[in-house]
Amino acid sequence: MLETQAKQLDKVLALAAEHSSDARLLMAQPGIGPVTALAFVLTIGDVKRFPHSRQVSRYLGLIPRERSSGGKQKMGSITKQGNRLLRFLLVEAATTAVRYDPNFRKAYLHRCHIKHRAVARVSAARNLALLRHIPLYLVHLDLIKRKAASKLEDSLPPPPTTIAPNSSASNDVHAIALAIRYPTG
């Protein structure tokens, strides 16, 4: 009984993730499935709220606490602000991405030599959140630029026709160019 309900919910989640363009973009990355992608998209919401990708990590609570005094810097545990479930899902997705993505594996193993394995997992989850936010933001900016360019093209007058070399318009253009190049006053 519970298994059939769980399978139905998994199908609904997969279908909802397929309908979201942001979730599809996230699911193209190793380690991120429909649940993590939907949780990320729904928790983050509008991408333009975060102009910098580090703000996403701060919002999710994946940034370590810092206690600084007198030029000394001490980093503590993560702040645990934000959505607890998404933090858990990102850590799980990061452990899967470490297995399948050689770049993540290299960074994770390097971090394991410096810090404890659990700290390295959270660091990988932070990198996963940073690297997954950037494509969403770039796609969003690309859409904004396309809309602005189409609005600009619609508002511009039609391009001028070619000017004959001996016409009065040609002389006016030449006079304006000379006035710009050699101002008199």
N, C-alpha and C. Protein backbone atom coordinates (compact mmCIF):
# COMPACT_ATOMS: atom_id res chain seq x y z
N MET A 1 0.82 -1.19 0.00
CA MET A 1 0.00 0.00 0.00
C MET A 1 0.86 1.26 0.00
N LEU A 2 1.83 1.33 0.94
CA LEU A 2 2.70 2.50 1.00
C LEU A 2 3.62 2.57 -0.22
N GLU A 3 4.04 1.40 -0.70
CA GLU A 3 4.92 1.39 -1.87
C GLU A 3 4.21 1.94 -3.10
N THR A 4 2.96 1.59 -3.27
CA THR A 4 2.22 2.09 -4.44
C THR A 4 2.02 3.61 -4.34
N GLN A 5 1.76 4.10 -3.13
CA GLN A 5 1.61 5.54 -2.96
C GLN A 5 2.94 6.26 -3.21
N ALA A 6 4.03 5.65 -2.74
CA ALA A 6 5.35 6.24 -2.96
C ALA A 6 5.68 6.27 -4.45
N LYS A 7 5.35 5.19 -5.17
CA LYS A 7 5.61 5.15 -6.61
C LYS A 7 4.77 6.19 -7.34
N GLN A 8 3.53 6.38 -6.92
CA GLN A 8 2.69 7.39 -7.54
C GLN A 8 3.24 8.80 -7.30
N LEU A 9 3.69 9.03 -6.08
CA LEU A 9 4.28 10.34 -5.77
C LEU A 9 5.57 10.57 -6.55
N ASP A 10 6.38 9.52 -6.72
CA ASP A 10 7.60 9.64 -7.53
C ASP A 10 7.27 10.00 -8.97
N LYS A 11 6.22 9.39 -9.51
CA LYS A 11 5.80 9.71 -10.87
C LYS A 11 5.33 11.15 -10.98
N VAL A 12 4.58 11.61 -9.98
CA VAL A 12 4.10 12.99 -9.99
C VAL A 12 5.28 13.97 -9.90
N LEU A 13 6.26 13.66 -9.05
CA LEU A 13 7.44 14.50 -8.92
C LEU A 13 8.24 14.54 -10.22
N ALA A 14 8.41 13.38 -10.84
CA ALA A 14 9.16 13.33 -12.10
C ALA A 14 8.44 14.13 -13.18
N LEU A 15 7.12 14.03 -13.20
CA LEU A 15 6.33 14.78 -14.19
C LEU A 15 6.42 16.29 -13.93
N ALA A 16 6.34 16.68 -12.67
CA ALA A 16 6.44 18.10 -12.33
C ALA A 16 7.83 18.64 -12.66
N ALA A 17 8.86 17.83 -12.44
CA ALA A 17 10.22 18.26 -12.76
C ALA A 17 10.42 18.40 -14.26
N GLU A 18 9.79 17.54 -15.03
CA GLU A 18 9.91 17.63 -16.49
C GLU A 18 9.22 18.87 -17.04
N HIS A 19 8.20 19.36 -16.35
CA HIS A 19 7.49 20.55 -16.82
C HIS A 19 8.21 21.85 -16.46
N SER A 20 9.13 21.80 -15.53
CA SER A 20 9.88 22.99 -15.13
C SER A 20 11.19 23.06 -15.90
N SER A 21 11.40 24.14 -16.63
CA SER A 21 12.63 24.26 -17.42
C SER A 21 13.86 24.37 -16.52
N ASP A 22 13.74 25.07 -15.37
CA ASP A 22 14.86 25.17 -14.44
C ASP A 22 15.20 23.81 -13.83
N ALA A 23 14.19 23.04 -13.49
CA ALA A 23 14.43 21.71 -12.92
C ALA A 23 15.07 20.79 -13.95
N ARG A 24 14.65 20.89 -15.21
CA ARG A 24 15.28 20.07 -16.26
C ARG A 24 16.74 20.44 -16.42
N LEU A 25 17.04 21.74 -16.34
CA LEU A 25 18.43 22.19 -16.43
C LEU A 25 19.26 21.63 -15.29
N LEU A 26 18.70 21.61 -14.10
CA LEU A 26 19.42 21.08 -12.94
C LEU A 26 19.60 19.57 -13.03
N MET A 27 18.58 18.87 -13.54
CA MET A 27 18.66 17.40 -13.60
C MET A 27 19.67 16.92 -14.64
N ALA A 28 20.13 17.80 -15.51
CA ALA A 28 21.14 17.42 -16.49
C ALA A 28 22.49 17.21 -15.82
N GLN A 29 22.65 17.69 -14.60
CA GLN A 29 23.91 17.55 -13.88
C GLN A 29 23.93 16.23 -13.11
N PRO A 30 25.10 15.61 -12.98
CA PRO A 30 25.16 14.35 -12.22
C PRO A 30 24.86 14.57 -10.75
N GLY A 31 24.10 13.64 -10.18
CA GLY A 31 23.79 13.69 -8.76
C GLY A 31 22.48 14.36 -8.42
N ILE A 32 21.89 15.06 -9.37
CA ILE A 32 20.65 15.79 -9.08
C ILE A 32 19.50 15.10 -9.78
N GLY A 33 18.53 14.65 -8.98
CA GLY A 33 17.34 14.01 -9.50
C GLY A 33 16.15 14.96 -9.43
N PRO A 34 14.96 14.44 -9.71
CA PRO A 34 13.78 15.31 -9.73
C PRO A 34 13.45 15.92 -8.36
N VAL A 35 13.65 15.17 -7.29
CA VAL A 35 13.32 15.69 -5.96
C VAL A 35 14.24 16.86 -5.60
N THR A 36 15.54 16.67 -5.78
CA THR A 36 16.51 17.72 -5.46
C THR A 36 16.30 18.93 -6.36
N ALA A 37 16.06 18.69 -7.66
CA ALA A 37 15.88 19.79 -8.60
C ALA A 37 14.65 20.61 -8.25
N LEU A 38 13.54 19.94 -7.97
CA LEU A 38 12.33 20.68 -7.60
C LEU A 38 12.50 21.41 -6.27
N ALA A 39 13.13 20.77 -5.32
CA ALA A 39 13.36 21.43 -4.03
C ALA A 39 14.22 22.66 -4.21
N PHE A 40 15.26 22.57 -5.04
CA PHE A 40 16.15 23.71 -5.28
C PHE A 40 15.39 24.85 -5.96
N VAL A 41 14.64 24.51 -7.00
CA VAL A 41 13.90 25.54 -7.75
C VAL A 41 12.84 26.19 -6.88
N LEU A 42 12.10 25.40 -6.11
CA LEU A 42 11.03 25.95 -5.29
C LEU A 42 11.56 26.72 -4.09
N THR A 43 12.69 26.29 -3.54
CA THR A 43 13.25 27.00 -2.39
C THR A 43 13.90 28.31 -2.82
N ILE A 44 14.66 28.27 -3.90
CA ILE A 44 15.34 29.47 -4.37
C ILE A 44 14.33 30.46 -4.94
N GLY A 45 13.33 29.95 -5.63
CA GLY A 45 12.31 30.83 -6.20
C GLY A 45 12.84 31.60 -7.39
N ASP A 46 12.59 32.90 -7.40
CA ASP A 46 13.03 33.75 -8.50
C ASP A 46 14.55 33.90 -8.44
N VAL A 47 15.21 33.57 -9.52
CA VAL A 47 16.67 33.53 -9.54
C VAL A 47 17.27 34.92 -9.41
N LYS A 48 16.58 35.93 -9.89
CA LYS A 48 17.16 37.27 -9.86
C LYS A 48 17.20 37.87 -8.46
N ARG A 49 16.68 37.16 -7.46
CA ARG A 49 16.83 37.62 -6.07
C ARG A 49 18.28 37.57 -5.63
N PHE A 50 19.06 36.72 -6.28
CA PHE A 50 20.45 36.51 -5.88
C PHE A 50 21.38 36.98 -7.00
N PRO A 51 21.86 38.20 -6.94
CA PRO A 51 22.75 38.67 -8.00
C PRO A 51 24.09 37.94 -8.00
N HIS A 52 24.52 37.44 -6.86
CA HIS A 52 25.78 36.70 -6.77
C HIS A 52 25.49 35.29 -6.28
N SER A 53 26.21 34.34 -6.83
CA SER A 53 25.91 32.94 -6.49
C SER A 53 26.28 32.60 -5.04
N ARG A 54 27.21 33.34 -4.44
CA ARG A 54 27.55 33.07 -3.03
C ARG A 54 26.36 33.38 -2.11
N GLN A 55 25.48 34.26 -2.54
CA GLN A 55 24.31 34.58 -1.72
C GLN A 55 23.37 33.38 -1.62
N VAL A 56 23.40 32.51 -2.62
CA VAL A 56 22.58 31.29 -2.56
C VAL A 56 23.08 30.40 -1.43
N SER A 57 24.39 30.25 -1.32
CA SER A 57 24.95 29.43 -0.23
C SER A 57 24.64 30.03 1.12
N ARG A 58 24.68 31.33 1.22
CA ARG A 58 24.32 31.97 2.48
C ARG A 58 22.86 31.75 2.81
N TYR A 59 22.01 31.85 1.79
CA TYR A 59 20.58 31.67 1.99
C TYR A 59 20.26 30.25 2.45
N LEU A 60 21.01 29.27 1.94
CA LEU A 60 20.78 27.87 2.30
C LEU A 60 21.47 27.47 3.60
N GLY A 61 22.33 28.33 4.14
CA GLY A 61 23.01 28.02 5.39
C GLY A 61 24.20 27.11 5.21
N LEU A 62 24.83 27.15 4.04
CA LEU A 62 25.98 26.30 3.77
C LEU A 62 27.31 27.03 3.97
N ILE A 63 27.27 28.24 4.48
CA ILE A 63 28.47 29.03 4.72
C ILE A 63 28.87 28.86 6.18
N PRO A 64 30.16 28.65 6.47
CA PRO A 64 30.57 28.50 7.87
C PRO A 64 30.49 29.81 8.64
N ARG A 65 30.26 29.67 9.95
CA ARG A 65 30.26 30.85 10.82
C ARG A 65 31.68 31.38 10.88
N GLU A 66 31.77 32.68 11.09
CA GLU A 66 33.09 33.29 11.18
C GLU A 66 33.16 34.16 12.42
N ARG A 67 34.23 33.97 13.16
CA ARG A 67 34.49 34.82 14.33
C ARG A 67 35.86 35.45 14.11
N SER A 68 35.85 36.74 13.85
CA SER A 68 37.10 37.45 13.56
C SER A 68 37.33 38.52 14.61
N SER A 69 38.57 38.63 15.03
CA SER A 69 38.93 39.65 16.00
C SER A 69 40.43 39.88 15.92
N GLY A 70 40.81 41.12 15.80
CA GLY A 70 42.23 41.45 15.82
C GLY A 70 43.02 40.84 14.68
N GLY A 71 42.42 40.72 13.53
CA GLY A 71 43.12 40.18 12.38
C GLY A 71 43.16 38.66 12.35
N LYS A 72 42.61 38.01 13.38
CA LYS A 72 42.55 36.56 13.40
C LYS A 72 41.17 36.12 12.95
N GLN A 73 41.16 35.10 12.13
CA GLN A 73 39.90 34.62 11.56
C GLN A 73 39.70 33.18 12.00
N LYS A 74 38.53 32.89 12.59
CA LYS A 74 38.21 31.54 13.01
C LYS A 74 36.90 31.13 12.37
N MET A 75 36.94 30.04 11.60
CA MET A 75 35.75 29.54 10.93
C MET A 75 35.13 28.44 11.79
N GLY A 76 33.82 28.49 11.94
CA GLY A 76 33.11 27.51 12.74
C GLY A 76 32.29 26.56 11.89
N SER A 77 31.23 26.03 12.47
CA SER A 77 30.36 25.13 11.73
C SER A 77 29.43 25.95 10.83
N ILE A 78 28.66 25.27 9.99
CA ILE A 78 27.77 25.99 9.07
C ILE A 78 26.67 26.70 9.86
N THR A 79 26.09 27.73 9.26
CA THR A 79 25.11 28.55 9.97
C THR A 79 23.76 27.87 10.10
N LYS A 80 23.43 26.92 9.25
CA LYS A 80 22.18 26.17 9.27
C LYS A 80 20.96 27.08 9.12
N GLN A 81 21.11 28.18 8.43
CA GLN A 81 19.97 29.02 8.08
C GLN A 81 19.31 28.40 6.86
N GLY A 82 18.08 28.71 6.61
CA GLY A 82 17.43 28.25 5.39
C GLY A 82 16.77 26.89 5.54
N ASN A 83 16.49 26.29 4.40
CA ASN A 83 15.72 25.06 4.32
C ASN A 83 16.58 23.85 4.69
N ARG A 84 16.21 23.16 5.74
CA ARG A 84 16.94 22.01 6.24
C ARG A 84 16.89 20.84 5.25
N LEU A 85 15.72 20.62 4.64
CA LEU A 85 15.56 19.53 3.69
C LEU A 85 16.43 19.73 2.46
N LEU A 86 16.48 20.96 1.94
CA LEU A 86 17.30 21.22 0.76
C LEU A 86 18.78 21.06 1.08
N ARG A 87 19.20 21.46 2.27
CA ARG A 87 20.59 21.24 2.67
C ARG A 87 20.91 19.76 2.67
N PHE A 88 20.02 18.95 3.23
CA PHE A 88 20.20 17.50 3.25
C PHE A 88 20.27 16.94 1.83
N LEU A 89 19.33 17.38 0.97
CA LEU A 89 19.31 16.88 -0.41
C LEU A 89 20.56 17.29 -1.18
N LEU A 90 21.06 18.51 -0.94
CA LEU A 90 22.28 18.94 -1.62
C LEU A 90 23.50 18.15 -1.17
N VAL A 91 23.57 17.83 0.11
CA VAL A 91 24.69 17.01 0.59
C VAL A 91 24.62 15.61 -0.03
N GLU A 92 23.42 15.04 -0.12
CA GLU A 92 23.28 13.73 -0.75
C GLU A 92 23.61 13.80 -2.25
N ALA A 93 23.16 14.86 -2.91
CA ALA A 93 23.46 15.02 -4.33
C ALA A 93 24.96 15.23 -4.55
N ALA A 94 25.59 15.92 -3.61
CA ALA A 94 27.03 16.15 -3.74
C ALA A 94 27.81 14.84 -3.59
N THR A 95 27.38 13.96 -2.69
CA THR A 95 28.08 12.68 -2.56
C THR A 95 27.91 11.84 -3.82
N THR A 96 26.76 11.94 -4.48
CA THR A 96 26.57 11.23 -5.74
C THR A 96 27.39 11.88 -6.85
N ALA A 97 27.42 13.21 -6.88
CA ALA A 97 28.19 13.92 -7.90
C ALA A 97 29.68 13.63 -7.76
N VAL A 98 30.14 13.44 -6.54
CA VAL A 98 31.55 13.11 -6.31
C VAL A 98 31.90 11.78 -6.97
N ARG A 99 30.96 10.86 -6.97
CA ARG A 99 31.20 9.56 -7.59
C ARG A 99 31.27 9.63 -9.10
N TYR A 100 30.46 10.49 -9.71
CA TYR A 100 30.33 10.48 -11.17
C TYR A 100 31.02 11.63 -11.89
N ASP A 101 31.33 12.72 -11.20
CA ASP A 101 31.96 13.87 -11.84
C ASP A 101 33.42 13.96 -11.39
N PRO A 102 34.38 13.81 -12.31
CA PRO A 102 35.79 13.81 -11.91
C PRO A 102 36.25 15.14 -11.29
N ASN A 103 35.69 16.26 -11.74
CA ASN A 103 36.08 17.56 -11.17
C ASN A 103 35.63 17.68 -9.72
N PHE A 104 34.42 17.24 -9.44
CA PHE A 104 33.93 17.26 -8.06
C PHE A 104 34.74 16.30 -7.20
N ARG A 105 35.08 15.15 -7.76
CA ARG A 105 35.85 14.16 -7.00
C ARG A 105 37.21 14.74 -6.62
N LYS A 106 37.85 15.40 -7.56
CA LYS A 106 39.18 15.97 -7.30
C LYS A 106 39.12 17.02 -6.19
N ALA A 107 38.14 17.93 -6.27
CA ALA A 107 38.00 18.96 -5.23
C ALA A 107 37.64 18.34 -3.88
N TYR A 108 36.77 17.33 -3.91
CA TYR A 108 36.37 16.66 -2.67
C TYR A 108 37.55 15.95 -2.01
N LEU A 109 38.33 15.22 -2.79
CA LEU A 109 39.47 14.51 -2.22
C LEU A 109 40.53 15.48 -1.70
N HIS A 110 40.71 16.59 -2.40
CA HIS A 110 41.65 17.61 -1.92
C HIS A 110 41.18 18.17 -0.57
N ARG A 111 39.88 18.40 -0.47
CA ARG A 111 39.33 18.93 0.77
C ARG A 111 39.41 17.89 1.89
N CYS A 112 39.28 16.60 1.55
CA CYS A 112 39.37 15.53 2.56
C CYS A 112 40.76 15.47 3.19
N HIS A 113 41.79 15.86 2.43
CA HIS A 113 43.14 15.86 2.99
C HIS A 113 43.33 16.98 4.00
N ILE A 114 42.53 18.03 3.88
CA ILE A 114 42.68 19.19 4.75
C ILE A 114 41.75 19.11 5.95
N LYS A 115 40.49 18.76 5.70
CA LYS A 115 39.47 18.74 6.74
C LYS A 115 38.85 17.35 6.86
N HIS A 116 37.94 17.22 7.79
CA HIS A 116 37.21 15.97 8.00
C HIS A 116 36.30 15.69 6.81
N ARG A 117 35.96 14.44 6.60
CA ARG A 117 35.13 14.02 5.47
C ARG A 117 33.76 14.69 5.46
N ALA A 118 33.15 14.88 6.63
CA ALA A 118 31.84 15.53 6.70
C ALA A 118 31.93 16.99 6.27
N VAL A 119 33.00 17.67 6.65
CA VAL A 119 33.21 19.05 6.23
C VAL A 119 33.40 19.12 4.72
N ALA A 120 34.11 18.14 4.18
CA ALA A 120 34.32 18.09 2.74
C ALA A 120 33.00 17.86 2.00
N ARG A 121 32.11 17.06 2.57
CA ARG A 121 30.80 16.84 1.94
C ARG A 121 29.98 18.13 1.90
N VAL A 122 29.98 18.87 2.99
CA VAL A 122 29.24 20.13 3.02
C VAL A 122 29.87 21.13 2.05
N SER A 123 31.18 21.12 1.96
CA SER A 123 31.86 21.98 1.00
C SER A 123 31.48 21.61 -0.43
N ALA A 124 31.39 20.32 -0.71
CA ALA A 124 30.95 19.87 -2.04
C ALA A 124 29.50 20.28 -2.29
N ALA A 125 28.65 20.22 -1.27
CA ALA A 125 27.26 20.65 -1.42
C ALA A 125 27.20 22.15 -1.69
N ARG A 126 28.05 22.92 -1.02
CA ARG A 126 28.10 24.37 -1.26
C ARG A 126 28.54 24.64 -2.71
N ASN A 127 29.57 23.93 -3.17
CA ASN A 127 30.00 24.08 -4.56
C ASN A 127 28.92 23.66 -5.53
N LEU A 128 28.19 22.62 -5.18
CA LEU A 128 27.09 22.16 -6.03
C LEU A 128 26.02 23.24 -6.13
N ALA A 129 25.69 23.87 -5.00
CA ALA A 129 24.68 24.94 -5.02
C ALA A 129 25.18 26.14 -5.82
N LEU A 130 26.46 26.48 -5.67
CA LEU A 130 27.02 27.60 -6.41
C LEU A 130 27.03 27.31 -7.90
N LEU A 131 27.51 26.13 -8.27
CA LEU A 131 27.65 25.81 -9.68
C LEU A 131 26.31 25.56 -10.34
N ARG A 132 25.31 25.18 -9.58
CA ARG A 132 24.00 24.93 -10.18
C ARG A 132 23.18 26.22 -10.26
N HIS A 133 23.50 27.19 -9.41
CA HIS A 133 22.78 28.46 -9.46
C HIS A 133 23.24 29.28 -10.66
N ILE A 134 24.51 29.21 -10.99
CA ILE A 134 25.05 30.05 -12.06
C ILE A 134 24.37 29.78 -13.41
N PRO A 135 24.21 28.50 -13.85
CA PRO A 135 23.53 28.30 -15.13
C PRO A 135 22.09 28.81 -15.12
N LEU A 136 21.38 28.64 -14.01
CA LEU A 136 20.01 29.16 -13.94
C LEU A 136 20.00 30.67 -14.08
N TYR A 137 20.93 31.32 -13.41
CA TYR A 137 20.99 32.78 -13.47
C TYR A 137 21.37 33.25 -14.88
N LEU A 138 22.33 32.55 -15.50
CA LEU A 138 22.73 32.94 -16.85
C LEU A 138 21.61 32.74 -17.85
N VAL A 139 20.87 31.65 -17.72
CA VAL A 139 19.73 31.43 -18.61
C VAL A 139 18.70 32.52 -18.39
N HIS A 140 18.47 32.88 -17.12
CA HIS A 140 17.51 33.95 -16.81
C HIS A 140 17.97 35.28 -17.42
N LEU A 141 19.26 35.61 -17.27
CA LEU A 141 19.78 36.84 -17.84
C LEU A 141 19.69 36.83 -19.36
N ASP A 142 19.93 35.67 -19.98
CA ASP A 142 19.84 35.57 -21.43
C ASP A 142 18.40 35.84 -21.89
N LEU A 143 17.42 35.31 -21.16
CA LEU A 143 16.02 35.57 -21.51
C LEU A 143 15.69 37.05 -21.37
N ILE A 144 16.20 37.69 -20.30
CA ILE A 144 15.95 39.12 -20.10
C ILE A 144 16.56 39.92 -21.25
N LYS A 145 17.80 39.57 -21.63
CA LYS A 145 18.46 40.30 -22.73
C LYS A 145 17.71 40.11 -24.04
N ARG A 146 17.22 38.91 -24.29
CA ARG A 146 16.46 38.68 -25.52
C ARG A 146 15.17 39.50 -25.55
N LYS A 147 14.47 39.54 -24.41
CA LYS A 147 13.23 40.32 -24.34
C LYS A 147 13.53 41.80 -24.54
N ALA A 148 14.60 42.29 -23.90
CA ALA A 148 14.96 43.71 -24.03
C ALA A 148 15.37 44.02 -25.47
N ALA A 149 16.10 43.12 -26.12
CA ALA A 149 16.51 43.34 -27.50
C ALA A 149 15.30 43.35 -28.44
N SER A 150 14.35 42.46 -28.20
CA SER A 150 13.17 42.45 -29.06
C SER A 150 12.32 43.70 -28.85
N LYS A 151 12.21 44.18 -27.60
CA LYS A 151 11.48 45.42 -27.34
C LYS A 151 12.19 46.61 -27.99
N LEU A 152 13.53 46.61 -27.94
CA LEU A 152 14.31 47.69 -28.54
C LEU A 152 14.14 47.68 -30.05
N GLU A 153 14.18 46.51 -30.65
CA GLU A 153 14.00 46.41 -32.09
C GLU A 153 12.62 46.88 -32.51
N ASP A 154 11.61 46.59 -31.68
CA ASP A 154 10.25 47.03 -31.99
C ASP A 154 10.09 48.54 -31.88
N SER A 155 10.83 49.16 -30.96
CA SER A 155 10.67 50.60 -30.74
C SER A 155 11.53 51.45 -31.67
N LEU A 156 12.55 50.87 -32.32
CA LEU A 156 13.43 51.63 -33.20
C LEU A 156 12.73 51.94 -34.52
N PRO A 157 13.03 53.11 -35.10
CA PRO A 157 12.48 53.41 -36.43
C PRO A 157 13.16 52.52 -37.47
N PRO A 158 12.57 52.40 -38.64
CA PRO A 158 13.19 51.56 -39.66
C PRO A 158 14.55 52.13 -40.07
N PRO A 159 15.46 51.30 -40.53
CA PRO A 159 16.79 51.79 -40.89
C PRO A 159 16.70 52.76 -42.07
N PRO A 160 17.62 53.74 -42.11
CA PRO A 160 17.56 54.71 -43.20
C PRO A 160 17.93 54.06 -44.52
N THR A 161 17.43 54.68 -45.57
CA THR A 161 17.78 54.19 -46.90
C THR A 161 19.18 54.67 -47.24
N THR A 162 19.78 54.10 -48.23
CA THR A 162 21.13 54.50 -48.61
C THR A 162 21.10 55.90 -49.18
N ILE A 163 22.18 56.62 -48.94
CA ILE A 163 22.26 58.02 -49.35
C ILE A 163 23.09 58.10 -50.62
N ALA A 164 22.57 58.82 -51.58
CA ALA A 164 23.32 59.03 -52.83
C ALA A 164 24.49 59.96 -52.54
N PRO A 165 25.64 59.75 -53.21
CA PRO A 165 26.82 60.54 -52.88
C PRO A 165 26.68 62.04 -53.12
N ASN A 166 25.88 62.48 -54.06
CA ASN A 166 25.80 63.91 -54.36
C ASN A 166 24.53 64.55 -53.82
N SER A 167 23.79 63.88 -52.95
CA SER A 167 22.54 64.43 -52.45
C SER A 167 22.81 65.39 -51.30
N SER A 168 21.80 66.18 -50.95
CA SER A 168 21.94 67.13 -49.86
C SER A 168 22.06 66.41 -48.51
N ALA A 169 21.42 65.23 -48.37
CA ALA A 169 21.53 64.46 -47.14
C ALA A 169 22.96 63.99 -46.94
N SER A 170 23.63 63.63 -48.04
CA SER A 170 25.02 63.20 -47.94
C SER A 170 25.89 64.35 -47.47
N ASN A 171 25.62 65.56 -47.96
CA ASN A 171 26.39 66.73 -47.55
C ASN A 171 26.13 67.03 -46.07
N ASP A 172 24.88 66.86 -45.61
CA ASP A 172 24.56 67.10 -44.20
C ASP A 172 25.30 66.12 -43.30
N VAL A 173 25.32 64.86 -43.69
CA VAL A 173 26.02 63.84 -42.90
C VAL A 173 27.51 64.16 -42.86
N HIS A 174 28.07 64.57 -43.99
CA HIS A 174 29.49 64.92 -44.05
C HIS A 174 29.78 66.12 -43.16
N ALA A 175 28.89 67.11 -43.17
CA ALA A 175 29.09 68.31 -42.35
C ALA A 175 29.01 67.96 -40.86
N ILE A 176 28.09 67.07 -40.49
CA ILE A 176 27.97 66.67 -39.08
C ILE A 176 29.22 65.91 -38.64
N ALA A 177 29.72 65.03 -39.50
CA ALA A 177 30.93 64.27 -39.17
C ALA A 177 32.11 65.20 -38.99
N LEU A 178 32.24 66.22 -39.84
CA LEU A 178 33.33 67.18 -39.70
C LEU A 178 33.18 68.00 -38.42
N ALA A 179 31.93 68.38 -38.08
CA ALA A 179 31.70 69.17 -36.86
C ALA A 179 32.05 68.36 -35.62
N ILE A 180 31.78 67.06 -35.65
CA ILE A 180 32.12 66.21 -34.49
C ILE A 180 33.62 66.03 -34.39
N ARG A 181 34.27 65.83 -35.53
CA ARG A 181 35.71 65.58 -35.52
C ARG A 181 36.50 66.84 -35.18
N TYR A 182 36.10 67.99 -35.72
CA TYR A 182 36.82 69.24 -35.53
C TYR A 182 35.88 70.29 -34.93
N PRO A 183 35.63 70.23 -33.62
CA PRO A 183 34.74 71.23 -33.03
C PRO A 183 35.35 72.64 -33.09
N THR A 184 34.48 73.63 -33.27
CA THR A 184 34.97 75.00 -33.42
C THR A 184 35.04 75.75 -32.11
N GLY A 185 34.30 75.38 -31.16
CA GLY A 185 34.29 76.22 -29.97
C GLY A 185 34.42 75.51 -28.74
